[in-house]
Amino acid sequence: AEALAPKLLADPRVAGVEVAGPGFINLTLSPEVWRGAVRAALVAGNDTCRARTVADYIAGMTDRFALQEHKVLTNPGARA
């Protein structure tokens, strides 16, 4: 896991990498990846899939990110 972490972090879709123990890595995806995944699920998914996607997305937010995301969603011309 330690050797793999820098390679994962080099990917622009990955915003953060945390080695959580031998063989375990926690990834944080970039906001662009999350936004794209959420949009795709909301458009294509069924109601259960949509609800799960929204719940997972919100659960993973920090307070700062939630405020930035609210700004982007309520003012499409603004970028966080």
N, C-alpha and C. Protein backbone atom coordinates (compact mmCIF):
# COMPACT_ATOMS: atom_id res chain seq x y z
N ALA A 1 0.82 -1.19 0.00
CA ALA A 1 0.00 0.00 0.00
C ALA A 1 0.87 1.26 0.00
N GLU A 2 1.94 1.25 0.77
CA GLU A 2 2.83 2.43 0.83
C GLU A 2 3.43 2.74 -0.53
N ALA A 3 3.81 1.71 -1.28
CA ALA A 3 4.44 1.92 -2.59
C ALA A 3 3.43 2.38 -3.62
N LEU A 4 2.19 1.98 -3.46
CA LEU A 4 1.14 2.30 -4.43
C LEU A 4 0.58 3.72 -4.24
N ALA A 5 0.61 4.22 -3.03
CA ALA A 5 0.00 5.51 -2.71
C ALA A 5 0.49 6.66 -3.59
N PRO A 6 1.80 6.85 -3.79
CA PRO A 6 2.24 7.98 -4.63
C PRO A 6 1.78 7.85 -6.08
N LYS A 7 1.70 6.63 -6.58
CA LYS A 7 1.24 6.42 -7.95
C LYS A 7 -0.23 6.78 -8.09
N LEU A 8 -1.03 6.44 -7.09
CA LEU A 8 -2.45 6.80 -7.11
C LEU A 8 -2.62 8.31 -7.03
N LEU A 9 -1.85 8.94 -6.19
CA LEU A 9 -1.96 10.39 -6.00
C LEU A 9 -1.55 11.16 -7.26
N ALA A 10 -0.75 10.55 -8.11
CA ALA A 10 -0.35 11.20 -9.36
C ALA A 10 -1.50 11.28 -10.36
N ASP A 11 -2.55 10.49 -10.15
CA ASP A 11 -3.71 10.51 -11.05
C ASP A 11 -4.54 11.75 -10.74
N PRO A 12 -4.85 12.57 -11.75
CA PRO A 12 -5.60 13.81 -11.48
C PRO A 12 -7.02 13.58 -10.96
N ARG A 13 -7.54 12.37 -11.09
CA ARG A 13 -8.87 12.07 -10.56
C ARG A 13 -8.85 11.84 -9.06
N VAL A 14 -7.65 11.67 -8.49
CA VAL A 14 -7.49 11.38 -7.07
C VAL A 14 -7.04 12.64 -6.34
N ALA A 15 -7.81 13.05 -5.33
CA ALA A 15 -7.47 14.25 -4.56
C ALA A 15 -6.67 13.93 -3.31
N GLY A 16 -6.77 12.69 -2.83
CA GLY A 16 -6.06 12.33 -1.61
C GLY A 16 -5.91 10.83 -1.47
N VAL A 17 -4.83 10.43 -0.80
CA VAL A 17 -4.56 9.01 -0.56
C VAL A 17 -4.11 8.88 0.89
N GLU A 18 -4.71 7.94 1.59
CA GLU A 18 -4.31 7.66 2.98
C GLU A 18 -4.10 6.16 3.13
N VAL A 19 -2.91 5.77 3.56
CA VAL A 19 -2.65 4.37 3.83
C VAL A 19 -3.23 4.09 5.21
N ALA A 20 -4.23 3.21 5.24
CA ALA A 20 -4.98 2.96 6.48
C ALA A 20 -4.50 1.70 7.20
N GLY A 21 -3.46 1.11 6.72
CA GLY A 21 -2.93 -0.11 7.31
C GLY A 21 -2.38 -0.99 6.20
N PRO A 22 -1.77 -2.10 6.56
CA PRO A 22 -1.21 -2.98 5.54
C PRO A 22 -2.28 -3.46 4.55
N GLY A 23 -2.12 -3.07 3.30
CA GLY A 23 -3.05 -3.51 2.27
C GLY A 23 -4.32 -2.69 2.15
N PHE A 24 -4.44 -1.62 2.92
CA PHE A 24 -5.66 -0.80 2.89
C PHE A 24 -5.33 0.64 2.53
N ILE A 25 -6.04 1.17 1.53
CA ILE A 25 -5.84 2.54 1.09
C ILE A 25 -7.20 3.23 1.02
N ASN A 26 -7.29 4.41 1.60
CA ASN A 26 -8.48 5.25 1.47
C ASN A 26 -8.20 6.31 0.42
N LEU A 27 -9.07 6.40 -0.57
CA LEU A 27 -8.92 7.38 -1.64
C LEU A 27 -9.95 8.48 -1.49
N THR A 28 -9.56 9.69 -1.82
CA THR A 28 -10.48 10.80 -1.94
C THR A 28 -10.46 11.22 -3.40
N LEU A 29 -11.61 11.14 -4.04
CA LEU A 29 -11.69 11.51 -5.45
C LEU A 29 -11.82 13.02 -5.59
N SER A 30 -11.37 13.54 -6.71
CA SER A 30 -11.46 14.97 -6.96
C SER A 30 -12.93 15.37 -7.08
N PRO A 31 -13.25 16.62 -6.77
CA PRO A 31 -14.64 17.07 -6.89
C PRO A 31 -15.22 16.88 -8.29
N GLU A 32 -14.40 17.03 -9.32
CA GLU A 32 -14.89 16.84 -10.68
C GLU A 32 -15.36 15.41 -10.92
N VAL A 33 -14.62 14.45 -10.38
CA VAL A 33 -15.01 13.04 -10.52
C VAL A 33 -16.32 12.79 -9.79
N TRP A 34 -16.43 13.30 -8.56
CA TRP A 34 -17.67 13.12 -7.80
C TRP A 34 -18.85 13.74 -8.50
N ARG A 35 -18.67 14.97 -8.96
CA ARG A 35 -19.79 15.65 -9.63
C ARG A 35 -20.25 14.87 -10.85
N GLY A 36 -19.31 14.39 -11.64
CA GLY A 36 -19.66 13.61 -12.82
C GLY A 36 -20.38 12.32 -12.47
N ALA A 37 -19.92 11.64 -11.44
CA ALA A 37 -20.56 10.39 -11.03
C ALA A 37 -21.97 10.63 -10.50
N VAL A 38 -22.12 11.69 -9.73
CA VAL A 38 -23.44 12.01 -9.19
C VAL A 38 -24.40 12.40 -10.31
N ARG A 39 -23.95 13.24 -11.22
CA ARG A 39 -24.81 13.62 -12.35
C ARG A 39 -25.24 12.40 -13.15
N ALA A 40 -24.31 11.51 -13.46
CA ALA A 40 -24.62 10.31 -14.24
C ALA A 40 -25.62 9.42 -13.52
N ALA A 41 -25.45 9.24 -12.22
CA ALA A 41 -26.37 8.39 -11.46
C ALA A 41 -27.75 9.01 -11.37
N LEU A 42 -27.81 10.32 -11.21
CA LEU A 42 -29.11 10.98 -11.11
C LEU A 42 -29.87 10.92 -12.43
N VAL A 43 -29.16 10.98 -13.53
CA VAL A 43 -29.80 10.94 -14.85
C VAL A 43 -30.21 9.51 -15.21
N ALA A 44 -29.33 8.55 -14.99
CA ALA A 44 -29.55 7.19 -15.48
C ALA A 44 -30.13 6.23 -14.46
N GLY A 45 -29.96 6.50 -13.17
CA GLY A 45 -30.31 5.51 -12.16
C GLY A 45 -31.78 5.48 -11.80
N ASN A 46 -32.14 4.41 -11.10
CA ASN A 46 -33.50 4.32 -10.56
C ASN A 46 -33.55 5.11 -9.25
N ASP A 47 -34.72 5.19 -8.64
CA ASP A 47 -34.87 6.01 -7.43
C ASP A 47 -33.97 5.55 -6.30
N THR A 48 -33.82 4.24 -6.11
CA THR A 48 -32.97 3.73 -5.04
C THR A 48 -31.51 4.09 -5.31
N CYS A 49 -31.08 3.93 -6.55
CA CYS A 49 -29.71 4.27 -6.93
C CYS A 49 -29.46 5.76 -6.72
N ARG A 50 -30.40 6.57 -7.11
CA ARG A 50 -30.25 8.03 -6.94
C ARG A 50 -30.14 8.40 -5.47
N ALA A 51 -31.02 7.84 -4.66
CA ALA A 51 -31.01 8.16 -3.23
C ALA A 51 -29.69 7.73 -2.59
N ARG A 52 -29.21 6.54 -2.93
CA ARG A 52 -27.96 6.03 -2.37
C ARG A 52 -26.78 6.90 -2.80
N THR A 53 -26.77 7.30 -4.06
CA THR A 53 -25.69 8.14 -4.58
C THR A 53 -25.66 9.49 -3.87
N VAL A 54 -26.81 10.10 -3.72
CA VAL A 54 -26.89 11.40 -3.04
C VAL A 54 -26.46 11.26 -1.59
N ALA A 55 -26.93 10.22 -0.91
CA ALA A 55 -26.56 10.01 0.50
C ALA A 55 -25.06 9.79 0.65
N ASP A 56 -24.47 8.97 -0.21
CA ASP A 56 -23.03 8.73 -0.15
C ASP A 56 -22.24 10.00 -0.42
N TYR A 57 -22.70 10.77 -1.38
CA TYR A 57 -22.02 12.02 -1.74
C TYR A 57 -22.03 12.99 -0.56
N ILE A 58 -23.18 13.17 0.05
CA ILE A 58 -23.30 14.10 1.17
C ILE A 58 -22.53 13.60 2.38
N ALA A 59 -22.57 12.29 2.64
CA ALA A 59 -21.88 11.73 3.79
C ALA A 59 -20.37 11.95 3.71
N GLY A 60 -19.84 12.02 2.51
CA GLY A 60 -18.40 12.19 2.35
C GLY A 60 -17.93 13.63 2.36
N MET A 61 -18.83 14.57 2.52
CA MET A 61 -18.46 15.99 2.47
C MET A 61 -17.91 16.49 3.80
N THR A 62 -16.90 17.33 3.71
CA THR A 62 -16.49 18.11 4.87
C THR A 62 -17.37 19.36 4.89
N ASP A 63 -17.37 20.09 5.98
CA ASP A 63 -18.17 21.32 6.04
C ASP A 63 -17.73 22.31 4.97
N ARG A 64 -16.43 22.48 4.83
CA ARG A 64 -15.91 23.43 3.84
C ARG A 64 -16.32 23.02 2.43
N PHE A 65 -16.17 21.73 2.12
CA PHE A 65 -16.54 21.25 0.79
C PHE A 65 -18.04 21.42 0.56
N ALA A 66 -18.86 21.15 1.57
CA ALA A 66 -20.31 21.30 1.43
C ALA A 66 -20.67 22.75 1.10
N LEU A 67 -20.03 23.69 1.76
CA LEU A 67 -20.29 25.10 1.47
C LEU A 67 -19.85 25.48 0.05
N GLN A 68 -18.69 24.97 -0.36
CA GLN A 68 -18.22 25.24 -1.72
C GLN A 68 -19.15 24.61 -2.76
N GLU A 69 -19.58 23.40 -2.50
CA GLU A 69 -20.46 22.70 -3.43
C GLU A 69 -21.82 23.41 -3.53
N HIS A 70 -22.33 23.89 -2.41
CA HIS A 70 -23.58 24.64 -2.42
C HIS A 70 -23.44 25.88 -3.31
N LYS A 71 -22.31 26.55 -3.19
CA LYS A 71 -22.06 27.74 -4.02
C LYS A 71 -22.07 27.37 -5.50
N VAL A 72 -21.44 26.27 -5.86
CA VAL A 72 -21.39 25.84 -7.26
C VAL A 72 -22.78 25.44 -7.76
N LEU A 73 -23.53 24.73 -6.93
CA LEU A 73 -24.84 24.25 -7.35
C LEU A 73 -25.88 25.36 -7.46
N THR A 74 -25.76 26.38 -6.62
CA THR A 74 -26.75 27.45 -6.63
C THR A 74 -26.35 28.60 -7.55
N ASN A 75 -25.10 28.61 -7.99
CA ASN A 75 -24.63 29.63 -8.92
C ASN A 75 -23.72 28.94 -9.93
N PRO A 76 -24.29 28.37 -11.01
CA PRO A 76 -23.51 27.56 -11.95
C PRO A 76 -22.29 28.27 -12.53
N GLY A 77 -22.27 29.59 -12.56
CA GLY A 77 -21.12 30.32 -13.07
C GLY A 77 -19.96 30.37 -12.10
N ALA A 78 -20.22 30.05 -10.84
CA ALA A 78 -19.19 30.11 -9.80
C ALA A 78 -18.45 28.78 -9.73
N ARG A 79 -17.18 28.84 -9.51
CA ARG A 79 -16.38 27.63 -9.30
C ARG A 79 -15.69 27.76 -7.97
N ALA A 80 -15.71 26.67 -7.22
CA ALA A 80 -15.09 26.67 -5.89
C ALA A 80 -13.59 26.74 -5.97
